[in-house]
Amino acid sequence: MKKVRIYGAGGHSQVIRKVLELCDVLVTETFDDRPETVHSAYTDATIEGGVRDAMDSFPHDGDPVIIAVGNNCQRAEIAQFLKSRFEKAIHPSSIIAKSSSVGEGTVVFAGAIIQPNTVVGKHVIVNTAASIDHDNIIGDYAHISPKAALCGHVEVGEGSHVGVGAVVIPKIKIGKWCTIGAGTVVIKDVPDYATVVGNPGRVIKINNPVTSEK
Protein backbone atom coordinates (compact mmCIF):
# COMPACT_ATOMS: atom_id res chain seq x y z
CA MET A 1 0.00 0.00 0.00
CA LYS A 2 1.28 3.45 -0.92
CA LYS A 3 1.92 5.68 2.10
CA VAL A 4 1.90 9.48 2.40
CA ARG A 5 2.11 12.17 5.05
CA ILE A 6 -0.23 15.16 5.15
CA TYR A 7 0.77 18.69 6.10
CA GLY A 8 -2.35 20.54 7.27
CA ALA A 9 -5.37 19.32 9.21
CA GLY A 10 -8.19 21.68 8.27
CA GLY A 11 -11.21 21.19 6.03
CA HIS A 12 -9.13 21.00 2.83
CA SER A 13 -7.12 18.23 4.45
CA GLN A 14 -10.27 16.22 5.12
CA VAL A 15 -11.16 16.26 1.42
CA ILE A 16 -7.66 15.13 0.47
CA ARG A 17 -7.78 12.33 3.02
CA LYS A 18 -11.02 11.08 1.45
CA VAL A 19 -9.38 11.06 -2.00
CA LEU A 20 -6.44 9.10 -0.62
CA GLU A 21 -8.78 6.64 1.07
CA LEU A 22 -10.54 5.98 -2.25
CA CYS A 23 -7.12 5.37 -3.83
CA ASP A 24 -6.08 2.93 -1.07
CA VAL A 25 -3.32 5.25 0.11
CA LEU A 26 -2.42 5.16 3.80
CA VAL A 27 -1.82 8.41 5.69
CA THR A 28 1.00 7.68 8.15
CA GLU A 29 1.46 11.12 9.75
CA THR A 30 -0.39 14.43 9.90
CA PHE A 31 1.29 17.76 10.65
CA ASP A 32 -0.17 21.16 11.40
CA ASP A 33 1.30 24.49 12.47
CA ARG A 34 -1.37 24.79 15.17
CA PRO A 35 -2.01 21.20 16.28
CA GLU A 36 -3.92 22.34 19.38
CA THR A 37 -6.73 23.70 17.16
CA VAL A 38 -7.28 20.58 15.04
CA HIS A 39 -10.89 19.44 14.65
CA SER A 40 -12.03 16.28 16.46
CA ALA A 41 -12.49 14.53 13.11
CA TYR A 42 -8.79 13.75 13.34
CA THR A 43 -8.98 11.68 16.50
CA ASP A 44 -7.80 8.72 14.40
CA ALA A 45 -4.55 10.51 13.51
CA THR A 46 -1.53 11.74 15.41
CA ILE A 47 -1.23 15.48 14.87
CA GLU A 48 2.30 16.80 15.14
CA GLY A 49 3.71 20.32 14.96
CA GLY A 50 4.62 21.99 11.69
CA VAL A 51 7.88 22.96 10.07
CA ARG A 52 7.79 26.75 10.26
CA ASP A 53 8.60 26.84 13.97
CA ALA A 54 10.85 23.77 14.03
CA MET A 55 12.75 23.67 10.76
CA ASP A 56 15.77 21.78 12.09
CA SER A 57 13.81 19.11 13.95
CA PHE A 58 11.08 18.49 11.35
CA PRO A 59 11.24 14.94 9.89
CA HIS A 60 11.81 15.89 6.25
CA ASP A 61 12.78 12.32 5.34
CA GLY A 62 10.21 9.56 5.18
CA ASP A 63 7.01 9.01 3.23
CA PRO A 64 6.19 11.67 0.61
CA VAL A 65 4.10 14.67 1.66
CA ILE A 66 0.95 16.36 0.37
CA ILE A 67 0.52 19.94 1.57
CA ALA A 68 -3.16 20.05 2.52
CA VAL A 69 -3.42 23.82 2.95
CA GLY A 70 -6.00 25.74 0.94
CA ASN A 71 -4.35 29.17 1.14
CA ASN A 72 -2.10 29.52 -1.92
CA CYS A 73 0.47 31.77 -0.22
CA GLN A 74 0.79 29.50 2.80
CA ARG A 75 1.04 26.39 0.60
CA ALA A 76 3.86 27.99 -1.38
CA GLU A 77 5.67 29.01 1.80
CA ILE A 78 5.46 25.53 3.29
CA ALA A 79 6.65 23.94 0.05
CA GLN A 80 9.76 26.11 0.16
CA PHE A 81 10.49 25.07 3.76
CA LEU A 82 10.04 21.34 3.27
CA LYS A 83 12.94 19.21 2.08
CA SER A 84 10.68 16.22 1.46
CA ARG A 85 9.43 14.29 -1.53
CA PHE A 86 5.89 15.19 -2.62
CA GLU A 87 2.93 13.09 -3.73
CA LYS A 88 -0.23 13.80 -5.74
CA ALA A 89 -3.84 13.05 -4.81
CA ILE A 90 -6.13 12.40 -7.79
CA HIS A 91 -9.76 11.41 -7.31
CA PRO A 92 -10.78 8.28 -9.27
CA SER A 93 -13.73 10.11 -10.84
CA SER A 94 -11.60 12.87 -12.34
CA ILE A 95 -10.68 12.76 -16.03
CA ILE A 96 -7.14 13.66 -17.08
CA ALA A 97 -6.06 13.35 -20.70
CA LYS A 98 -3.00 11.19 -21.29
CA SER A 99 -1.26 14.05 -23.09
CA SER A 100 -1.62 16.35 -20.07
CA SER A 101 0.69 16.49 -17.06
CA VAL A 102 0.12 17.14 -13.37
CA GLY A 103 2.97 18.33 -11.15
CA GLU A 104 4.11 17.00 -7.79
CA GLY A 105 2.02 17.86 -4.77
CA THR A 106 -1.03 18.72 -6.88
CA VAL A 107 -4.51 17.55 -5.86
CA VAL A 108 -7.38 16.87 -8.29
CA PHE A 109 -10.82 16.42 -6.75
CA ALA A 110 -14.01 14.61 -7.74
CA GLY A 111 -15.43 15.28 -11.18
CA ALA A 112 -12.61 17.54 -12.35
CA ILE A 113 -11.66 17.41 -16.03
CA ILE A 114 -8.24 18.22 -17.50
CA GLN A 115 -8.28 18.08 -21.30
CA PRO A 116 -5.41 17.26 -23.72
CA ASN A 117 -2.06 19.06 -23.85
CA THR A 118 -2.59 20.90 -20.58
CA VAL A 119 0.24 21.41 -18.09
CA VAL A 120 -0.69 21.70 -14.42
CA GLY A 121 2.13 22.84 -12.16
CA LYS A 122 3.24 21.86 -8.66
CA HIS A 123 1.08 22.07 -5.54
CA VAL A 124 -2.00 23.14 -7.51
CA ILE A 125 -5.59 22.59 -6.35
CA VAL A 126 -7.98 21.50 -9.11
CA ASN A 127 -11.16 21.50 -7.11
CA THR A 128 -14.47 19.64 -7.40
CA ALA A 129 -15.95 19.59 -10.93
CA ALA A 130 -13.50 22.18 -12.26
CA SER A 131 -13.08 22.08 -16.04
CA ILE A 132 -9.70 22.85 -17.61
CA ASP A 133 -9.82 22.59 -21.38
CA HIS A 134 -7.08 21.81 -23.91
CA ASP A 135 -3.66 23.50 -24.09
CA ASN A 136 -3.91 25.28 -20.75
CA ILE A 137 -0.94 26.16 -18.54
CA ILE A 138 -1.66 26.29 -14.80
CA GLY A 139 1.15 27.76 -12.70
CA ASP A 140 2.50 26.37 -9.43
CA TYR A 141 0.38 26.95 -6.28
CA ALA A 142 -2.70 28.02 -8.26
CA HIS A 143 -6.23 27.06 -7.23
CA ILE A 144 -8.97 26.33 -9.76
CA SER A 145 -12.13 26.38 -7.64
CA PRO A 146 -15.23 24.16 -7.85
CA LYS A 147 -17.09 24.39 -11.18
CA ALA A 148 -14.71 26.99 -12.61
CA ALA A 149 -14.41 26.61 -16.40
CA LEU A 150 -11.25 27.44 -18.33
CA CYS A 151 -11.55 27.31 -22.12
CA GLY A 152 -8.71 26.40 -24.48
CA HIS A 153 -5.25 28.01 -24.49
CA VAL A 154 -5.71 29.73 -21.12
CA GLU A 155 -2.73 30.53 -18.90
CA VAL A 156 -3.08 30.93 -15.13
CA GLY A 157 -0.03 32.34 -13.38
CA GLU A 158 1.70 31.17 -10.22
CA GLY A 159 -0.40 31.38 -7.09
CA SER A 160 -3.53 32.71 -8.75
CA HIS A 161 -6.99 31.77 -7.49
CA VAL A 162 -9.85 31.27 -9.96
CA GLY A 163 -13.06 31.47 -7.91
CA VAL A 164 -16.10 29.21 -7.77
CA GLY A 165 -18.02 29.10 -11.03
CA ALA A 166 -15.75 31.57 -12.83
CA VAL A 167 -15.48 31.34 -16.63
CA VAL A 168 -12.37 32.19 -18.64
CA ILE A 169 -12.76 32.49 -22.41
CA PRO A 170 -10.13 31.07 -24.82
CA LYS A 171 -6.59 32.44 -25.14
CA ILE A 172 -6.69 34.51 -21.96
CA LYS A 173 -3.59 35.02 -19.83
CA ILE A 174 -4.09 35.51 -16.09
CA GLY A 175 -1.00 36.84 -14.33
CA LYS A 176 0.59 35.59 -11.12
CA TRP A 177 -0.99 35.88 -7.68
CA CYS A 178 -4.30 37.13 -9.06
CA THR A 179 -7.76 36.64 -7.56
CA ILE A 180 -10.66 35.93 -9.93
CA GLY A 181 -13.90 36.35 -8.00
CA ALA A 182 -16.67 33.77 -7.83
CA GLY A 183 -18.84 33.79 -10.96
CA THR A 184 -16.57 36.20 -12.81
CA VAL A 185 -16.41 36.02 -16.62
CA VAL A 186 -12.89 36.82 -17.77
CA ILE A 187 -12.80 38.13 -21.34
CA LYS A 188 -9.41 39.88 -21.43
CA ASP A 189 -5.93 39.35 -20.03
CA VAL A 190 -5.39 39.99 -16.32
CA PRO A 191 -2.20 41.68 -15.00
CA ASP A 192 -0.14 40.27 -12.14
CA TYR A 193 -1.56 40.69 -8.61
CA ALA A 194 -4.96 41.89 -9.87
CA THR A 195 -8.37 41.17 -8.34
CA VAL A 196 -11.08 40.75 -10.99
CA VAL A 197 -14.84 40.51 -10.43
CA GLY A 198 -18.08 40.74 -12.41
CA ASN A 199 -19.51 39.91 -15.81
CA PRO A 200 -17.68 40.97 -17.80
CA GLY A 201 -14.74 40.80 -15.41
CA ARG A 202 -13.09 44.07 -14.41
CA VAL A 203 -10.01 44.80 -12.34
CA ILE A 204 -11.03 46.38 -9.03
CA LYS A 205 -7.58 46.55 -7.44
CA ILE A 206 -3.94 45.60 -7.81
CA ASN A 207 -2.68 43.85 -4.70
CA ASN A 208 0.64 44.46 -2.99
CA PRO A 209 3.13 41.89 -4.39
CA VAL A 210 4.70 41.41 -0.96
CA THR A 211 1.44 40.48 0.78
CA SER A 212 0.17 38.52 -2.23
CA GLU A 213 3.08 36.09 -2.15
CA LYS A 214 3.39 35.67 1.63
C-alpha atoms as a PDB file:
ATOM      1  CA  MET A   1       0.000   0.000   0.000  1.00  0.00           C
ATOM      2  CA  LYS A   2       1.281   3.449  -0.916  1.00  0.00           C
ATOM      3  CA  LYS A   3       1.916   5.685   2.102  1.00  0.00           C
ATOM      4  CA  VAL A   4       1.903   9.480   2.402  1.00  0.00           C
ATOM      5  CA  ARG A   5       2.115  12.166   5.052  1.00  0.00           C
ATOM      6  CA  ILE A   6      -0.228  15.161   5.150  1.00  0.00           C
ATOM      7  CA  TYR A   7       0.771  18.691   6.099  1.00  0.00           C
ATOM      8  CA  GLY A   8      -2.346  20.535   7.266  1.00  0.00           C
ATOM      9  CA  ALA A   9      -5.366  19.317   9.215  1.00  0.00           C
ATOM     10  CA  GLY A  10      -8.194  21.676   8.269  1.00  0.00           C
ATOM     11  CA  GLY A  11     -11.211  21.185   6.026  1.00  0.00           C
ATOM     12  CA  HIS A  12      -9.133  21.002   2.833  1.00  0.00           C
ATOM     13  CA  SER A  13      -7.122  18.232   4.455  1.00  0.00           C
ATOM     14  CA  GLN A  14     -10.266  16.222   5.123  1.00  0.00           C
ATOM     15  CA  VAL A  15     -11.156  16.263   1.422  1.00  0.00           C
ATOM     16  CA  ILE A  16      -7.657  15.134   0.468  1.00  0.00           C
ATOM     17  CA  ARG A  17      -7.780  12.334   3.018  1.00  0.00           C
ATOM     18  CA  LYS A  18     -11.016  11.076   1.448  1.00  0.00           C
ATOM     19  CA  VAL A  19      -9.383  11.056  -2.001  1.00  0.00           C
ATOM     20  CA  LEU A  20      -6.437   9.101  -0.619  1.00  0.00           C
ATOM     21  CA  GLU A  21      -8.779   6.637   1.068  1.00  0.00           C
ATOM     22  CA  LEU A  22     -10.540   5.980  -2.246  1.00  0.00           C
ATOM     23  CA  CYS A  23      -7.120   5.373  -3.833  1.00  0.00           C
ATOM     24  CA  ASP A  24      -6.077   2.927  -1.073  1.00  0.00           C
ATOM     25  CA  VAL A  25      -3.320   5.251   0.111  1.00  0.00           C
ATOM     26  CA  LEU A  26      -2.424   5.159   3.802  1.00  0.00           C
ATOM     27  CA  VAL A  27      -1.820   8.414   5.694  1.00  0.00           C
ATOM     28  CA  THR A  28       0.996   7.679   8.148  1.00  0.00           C
ATOM     29  CA  GLU A  29       1.457  11.117   9.753  1.00  0.00           C
ATOM     30  CA  THR A  30      -0.385  14.426   9.895  1.00  0.00           C
ATOM     31  CA  PHE A  31       1.295  17.761  10.645  1.00  0.00           C
ATOM     32  CA  ASP A  32      -0.173  21.161  11.401  1.00  0.00           C
ATOM     33  CA  ASP A  33       1.300  24.494  12.468  1.00  0.00           C
ATOM     34  CA  ARG A  34      -1.368  24.788  15.169  1.00  0.00           C
ATOM     35  CA  PRO A  35      -2.012  21.198  16.282  1.00  0.00           C
ATOM     36  CA  GLU A  36      -3.925  22.335  19.378  1.00  0.00           C
ATOM     37  CA  THR A  37      -6.727  23.700  17.157  1.00  0.00           C
ATOM     38  CA  VAL A  38      -7.277  20.575  15.043  1.00  0.00           C
ATOM     39  CA  HIS A  39     -10.894  19.437  14.655  1.00  0.00           C
ATOM     40  CA  SER A  40     -12.030  16.282  16.463  1.00  0.00           C
ATOM     41  CA  ALA A  41     -12.493  14.534  13.107  1.00  0.00           C
ATOM     42  CA  TYR A  42      -8.786  13.751  13.336  1.00  0.00           C
ATOM     43  CA  THR A  43      -8.979  11.681  16.499  1.00  0.00           C
ATOM     44  CA  ASP A  44      -7.799   8.720  14.404  1.00  0.00           C
ATOM     45  CA  ALA A  45      -4.550  10.511  13.514  1.00  0.00           C
ATOM     46  CA  THR A  46      -1.529  11.736  15.413  1.00  0.00           C
ATOM     47  CA  ILE A  47      -1.225  15.479  14.867  1.00  0.00           C
ATOM     48  CA  GLU A  48       2.295  16.802  15.141  1.00  0.00           C
ATOM     49  CA  GLY A  49       3.710  20.316  14.958  1.00  0.00           C
ATOM     50  CA  GLY A  50       4.619  21.985  11.693  1.00  0.00           C
ATOM     51  CA  VAL A  51       7.882  22.960  10.065  1.00  0.00           C
ATOM     52  CA  ARG A  52       7.785  26.750  10.261  1.00  0.00           C
ATOM     53  CA  ASP A  53       8.605  26.841  13.971  1.00  0.00           C
ATOM     54  CA  ALA A  54      10.849  23.772  14.033  1.00  0.00           C
ATOM     55  CA  MET A  55      12.751  23.665  10.758  1.00  0.00           C
ATOM     56  CA  ASP A  56      15.768  21.783  12.088  1.00  0.00           C
ATOM     57  CA  SER A  57      13.813  19.115  13.946  1.00  0.00           C
ATOM     58  CA  PHE A  58      11.078  18.493  11.353  1.00  0.00           C
ATOM     59  CA  PRO A  59      11.236  14.944   9.890  1.00  0.00           C
ATOM     60  CA  HIS A  60      11.811  15.888   6.253  1.00  0.00           C
ATOM     61  CA  ASP A  61      12.785  12.320   5.344  1.00  0.00           C
ATOM     62  CA  GLY A  62      10.211   9.565   5.180  1.00  0.00           C
ATOM     63  CA  ASP A  63       7.007   9.014   3.227  1.00  0.00           C
ATOM     64  CA  PRO A  64       6.188  11.673   0.607  1.00  0.00           C
ATOM     65  CA  VAL A  65       4.103  14.671   1.662  1.00  0.00           C
ATOM     66  CA  ILE A  66       0.946  16.357   0.372  1.00  0.00           C
ATOM     67  CA  ILE A  67       0.521  19.940   1.565  1.00  0.00           C
ATOM     68  CA  ALA A  68      -3.160  20.047   2.518  1.00  0.00           C
ATOM     69  CA  VAL A  69      -3.415  23.822   2.948  1.00  0.00           C
ATOM     70  CA  GLY A  70      -5.996  25.742   0.937  1.00  0.00           C
ATOM     71  CA  ASN A  71      -4.346  29.170   1.136  1.00  0.00           C
ATOM     72  CA  ASN A  72      -2.096  29.525  -1.916  1.00  0.00           C
ATOM     73  CA  CYS A  73       0.468  31.768  -0.223  1.00  0.00           C
ATOM     74  CA  GLN A  74       0.790  29.497   2.796  1.00  0.00           C
ATOM     75  CA  ARG A  75       1.040  26.388   0.597  1.00  0.00           C
ATOM     76  CA  ALA A  76       3.864  27.991  -1.379  1.00  0.00           C
ATOM     77  CA  GLU A  77       5.668  29.015   1.797  1.00  0.00           C
ATOM     78  CA  ILE A  78       5.459  25.531   3.294  1.00  0.00           C
ATOM     79  CA  ALA A  79       6.654  23.941   0.045  1.00  0.00           C
ATOM     80  CA  GLN A  80       9.764  26.112   0.159  1.00  0.00           C
ATOM     81  CA  PHE A  81      10.489  25.068   3.758  1.00  0.00           C
ATOM     82  CA  LEU A  82      10.039  21.342   3.267  1.00  0.00           C
ATOM     83  CA  LYS A  83      12.937  19.209   2.079  1.00  0.00           C
ATOM     84  CA  SER A  84      10.681  16.219   1.463  1.00  0.00           C
ATOM     85  CA  ARG A  85       9.427  14.294  -1.531  1.00  0.00           C
ATOM     86  CA  PHE A  86       5.890  15.186  -2.617  1.00  0.00           C
ATOM     87  CA  GLU A  87       2.926  13.093  -3.727  1.00  0.00           C
ATOM     88  CA  LYS A  88      -0.228  13.804  -5.745  1.00  0.00           C
ATOM     89  CA  ALA A  89      -3.842  13.047  -4.810  1.00  0.00           C
ATOM     90  CA  ILE A  90      -6.126  12.403  -7.789  1.00  0.00           C
ATOM     91  CA  HIS A  91      -9.762  11.413  -7.309  1.00  0.00           C
ATOM     92  CA  PRO A  92     -10.779   8.280  -9.268  1.00  0.00           C
ATOM     93  CA  SER A  93     -13.732  10.107 -10.838  1.00  0.00           C
ATOM     94  CA  SER A  94     -11.604  12.870 -12.338  1.00  0.00           C
ATOM     95  CA  ILE A  95     -10.682  12.758 -16.034  1.00  0.00           C
ATOM     96  CA  ILE A  96      -7.140  13.663 -17.075  1.00  0.00           C
ATOM     97  CA  ALA A  97      -6.061  13.353 -20.698  1.00  0.00           C
ATOM     98  CA  LYS A  98      -3.000  11.186 -21.286  1.00  0.00           C
ATOM     99  CA  SER A  99      -1.258  14.051 -23.089  1.00  0.00           C
ATOM    100  CA  SER A 100      -1.624  16.349 -20.070  1.00  0.00           C
ATOM    101  CA  SER A 101       0.685  16.487 -17.062  1.00  0.00           C
ATOM    102  CA  VAL A 102       0.120  17.136 -13.368  1.00  0.00           C
ATOM    103  CA  GLY A 103       2.967  18.327 -11.153  1.00  0.00           C
ATOM    104  CA  GLU A 104       4.111  16.997  -7.794  1.00  0.00           C
ATOM    105  CA  GLY A 105       2.025  17.864  -4.774  1.00  0.00           C
ATOM    106  CA  THR A 106      -1.027  18.716  -6.875  1.00  0.00           C
ATOM    107  CA  VAL A 107      -4.515  17.550  -5.857  1.00  0.00           C
ATOM    108  CA  VAL A 108      -7.382  16.866  -8.286  1.00  0.00           C
ATOM    109  CA  PHE A 109     -10.819  16.416  -6.754  1.00  0.00           C
ATOM    110  CA  ALA A 110     -14.013  14.610  -7.739  1.00  0.00           C
ATOM    111  CA  GLY A 111     -15.434  15.281 -11.182  1.00  0.00           C
ATOM    112  CA  ALA A 112     -12.614  17.540 -12.349  1.00  0.00           C
ATOM    113  CA  ILE A 113     -11.658  17.411 -16.030  1.00  0.00           C
ATOM    114  CA  ILE A 114      -8.242  18.220 -17.504  1.00  0.00           C
ATOM    115  CA  GLN A 115      -8.276  18.079 -21.299  1.00  0.00           C
ATOM    116  CA  PRO A 116      -5.409  17.255 -23.720  1.00  0.00           C
ATOM    117  CA  ASN A 117      -2.058  19.056 -23.852  1.00  0.00           C
ATOM    118  CA  THR A 118      -2.590  20.901 -20.577  1.00  0.00           C
ATOM    119  CA  VAL A 119       0.238  21.413 -18.093  1.00  0.00           C
ATOM    120  CA  VAL A 120      -0.695  21.698 -14.419  1.00  0.00           C
ATOM    121  CA  GLY A 121       2.126  22.839 -12.163  1.00  0.00           C
ATOM    122  CA  LYS A 122       3.238  21.860  -8.663  1.00  0.00           C
ATOM    123  CA  HIS A 123       1.083  22.072  -5.537  1.00  0.00           C
ATOM    124  CA  VAL A 124      -2.000  23.141  -7.513  1.00  0.00           C
ATOM    125  CA  ILE A 125      -5.587  22.587  -6.347  1.00  0.00           C
ATOM    126  CA  VAL A 126      -7.980  21.498  -9.112  1.00  0.00           C
ATOM    127  CA  ASN A 127     -11.161  21.502  -7.113  1.00  0.00           C
ATOM    128  CA  THR A 128     -14.471  19.641  -7.398  1.00  0.00           C
ATOM    129  CA  ALA A 129     -15.948  19.591 -10.926  1.00  0.00           C
ATOM    130  CA  ALA A 130     -13.500  22.180 -12.257  1.00  0.00           C
ATOM    131  CA  SER A 131     -13.082  22.083 -16.044  1.00  0.00           C
ATOM    132  CA  ILE A 132      -9.704  22.854 -17.615  1.00  0.00           C
ATOM    133  CA  ASP A 133      -9.815  22.593 -21.385  1.00  0.00           C
ATOM    134  CA  HIS A 134      -7.075  21.812 -23.911  1.00  0.00           C
ATOM    135  CA  ASP A 135      -3.660  23.496 -24.093  1.00  0.00           C
ATOM    136  CA  ASN A 136      -3.909  25.279 -20.746  1.00  0.00           C
ATOM    137  CA  ILE A 137      -0.942  26.162 -18.535  1.00  0.00           C
ATOM    138  CA  ILE A 138      -1.660  26.292 -14.801  1.00  0.00           C
ATOM    139  CA  GLY A 139       1.151  27.756 -12.702  1.00  0.00           C
ATOM    140  CA  ASP A 140       2.503  26.369  -9.430  1.00  0.00           C
ATOM    141  CA  TYR A 141       0.381  26.951  -6.282  1.00  0.00           C
ATOM    142  CA  ALA A 142      -2.701  28.017  -8.258  1.00  0.00           C
ATOM    143  CA  HIS A 143      -6.229  27.063  -7.227  1.00  0.00           C
ATOM    144  CA  ILE A 144      -8.973  26.334  -9.761  1.00  0.00           C
ATOM    145  CA  SER A 145     -12.134  26.384  -7.642  1.00  0.00           C
ATOM    146  CA  PRO A 146     -15.229  24.157  -7.850  1.00  0.00           C
ATOM    147  CA  LYS A 147     -17.093  24.394 -11.176  1.00  0.00           C
ATOM    148  CA  ALA A 148     -14.710  26.985 -12.612  1.00  0.00           C
ATOM    149  CA  ALA A 149     -14.413  26.610 -16.404  1.00  0.00           C
ATOM    150  CA  LEU A 150     -11.249  27.442 -18.329  1.00  0.00           C
ATOM    151  CA  CYS A 151     -11.548  27.313 -22.124  1.00  0.00           C
ATOM    152  CA  GLY A 152      -8.714  26.400 -24.483  1.00  0.00           C
ATOM    153  CA  HIS A 153      -5.248  28.010 -24.488  1.00  0.00           C
ATOM    154  CA  VAL A 154      -5.714  29.727 -21.120  1.00  0.00           C
ATOM    155  CA  GLU A 155      -2.732  30.529 -18.900  1.00  0.00           C
ATOM    156  CA  VAL A 156      -3.075  30.933 -15.135  1.00  0.00           C
ATOM    157  CA  GLY A 157      -0.027  32.343 -13.379  1.00  0.00           C
ATOM    158  CA  GLU A 158       1.703  31.171 -10.224  1.00  0.00           C
ATOM    159  CA  GLY A 159      -0.395  31.381  -7.088  1.00  0.00           C
ATOM    160  CA  SER A 160      -3.534  32.710  -8.754  1.00  0.00           C
ATOM    161  CA  HIS A 161      -6.994  31.765  -7.486  1.00  0.00           C
ATOM    162  CA  VAL A 162      -9.847  31.275  -9.960  1.00  0.00           C
ATOM    163  CA  GLY A 163     -13.056  31.465  -7.915  1.00  0.00           C
ATOM    164  CA  VAL A 164     -16.098  29.212  -7.769  1.00  0.00           C
ATOM    165  CA  GLY A 165     -18.024  29.099 -11.033  1.00  0.00           C
ATOM    166  CA  ALA A 166     -15.752  31.572 -12.828  1.00  0.00           C
ATOM    167  CA  VAL A 167     -15.480  31.343 -16.626  1.00  0.00           C
ATOM    168  CA  VAL A 168     -12.370  32.189 -18.637  1.00  0.00           C
ATOM    169  CA  ILE A 169     -12.765  32.489 -22.407  1.00  0.00           C
ATOM    170  CA  PRO A 170     -10.134  31.068 -24.815  1.00  0.00           C
ATOM    171  CA  LYS A 171      -6.595  32.441 -25.142  1.00  0.00           C
ATOM    172  CA  ILE A 172      -6.690  34.514 -21.957  1.00  0.00           C
ATOM    173  CA  LYS A 173      -3.587  35.025 -19.827  1.00  0.00           C
ATOM    174  CA  ILE A 174      -4.093  35.510 -16.092  1.00  0.00           C
ATOM    175  CA  GLY A 175      -1.002  36.837 -14.327  1.00  0.00           C
ATOM    176  CA  LYS A 176       0.587  35.587 -11.118  1.00  0.00           C
ATOM    177  CA  TRP A 177      -0.991  35.882  -7.677  1.00  0.00           C
ATOM    178  CA  CYS A 178      -4.296  37.126  -9.056  1.00  0.00           C
ATOM    179  CA  THR A 179      -7.760  36.638  -7.563  1.00  0.00           C
ATOM    180  CA  ILE A 180     -10.656  35.929  -9.926  1.00  0.00           C
ATOM    181  CA  GLY A 181     -13.902  36.352  -7.999  1.00  0.00           C
ATOM    182  CA  ALA A 182     -16.671  33.766  -7.834  1.00  0.00           C
ATOM    183  CA  GLY A 183     -18.841  33.789 -10.960  1.00  0.00           C
ATOM    184  CA  THR A 184     -16.567  36.201 -12.810  1.00  0.00           C
ATOM    185  CA  VAL A 185     -16.412  36.023 -16.618  1.00  0.00           C
ATOM    186  CA  VAL A 186     -12.892  36.820 -17.769  1.00  0.00           C
ATOM    187  CA  ILE A 187     -12.798  38.132 -21.342  1.00  0.00           C
ATOM    188  CA  LYS A 188      -9.408  39.882 -21.425  1.00  0.00           C
ATOM    189  CA  ASP A 189      -5.929  39.354 -20.034  1.00  0.00           C
ATOM    190  CA  VAL A 190      -5.388  39.986 -16.322  1.00  0.00           C
ATOM    191  CA  PRO A 191      -2.205  41.680 -15.003  1.00  0.00           C
ATOM    192  CA  ASP A 192      -0.141  40.274 -12.139  1.00  0.00           C
ATOM    193  CA  TYR A 193      -1.557  40.685  -8.610  1.00  0.00           C
ATOM    194  CA  ALA A 194      -4.959  41.887  -9.866  1.00  0.00           C
ATOM    195  CA  THR A 195      -8.372  41.173  -8.343  1.00  0.00           C
ATOM    196  CA  VAL A 196     -11.075  40.750 -10.990  1.00  0.00           C
ATOM    197  CA  VAL A 197     -14.841  40.511 -10.428  1.00  0.00           C
ATOM    198  CA  GLY A 198     -18.077  40.742 -12.405  1.00  0.00           C
ATOM    199  CA  ASN A 199     -19.513  39.905 -15.812  1.00  0.00           C
ATOM    200  CA  PRO A 200     -17.677  40.969 -17.796  1.00  0.00           C
ATOM    201  CA  GLY A 201     -14.739  40.805 -15.406  1.00  0.00           C
ATOM    202  CA  ARG A 202     -13.088  44.075 -14.412  1.00  0.00           C
ATOM    203  CA  VAL A 203     -10.007  44.803 -12.338  1.00  0.00           C
ATOM    204  CA  ILE A 204     -11.033  46.378  -9.030  1.00  0.00           C
ATOM    205  CA  LYS A 205      -7.579  46.548  -7.442  1.00  0.00           C
ATOM    206  CA  ILE A 206      -3.942  45.601  -7.814  1.00  0.00           C
ATOM    207  CA  ASN A 207      -2.684  43.846  -4.704  1.00  0.00           C
ATOM    208  CA  ASN A 208       0.637  44.463  -2.986  1.00  0.00           C
ATOM    209  CA  PRO A 209       3.132  41.890  -4.394  1.00  0.00           C
ATOM    210  CA  VAL A 210       4.699  41.410  -0.957  1.00  0.00           C
ATOM    211  CA  THR A 211       1.442  40.476   0.776  1.00  0.00           C
ATOM    212  CA  SER A 212       0.165  38.524  -2.228  1.00  0.00           C
ATOM    213  CA  GLU A 213       3.077  36.092  -2.145  1.00  0.00           C
ATOM    214  CA  LYS A 214       3.386  35.670   1.630  1.00  0.00           C
END
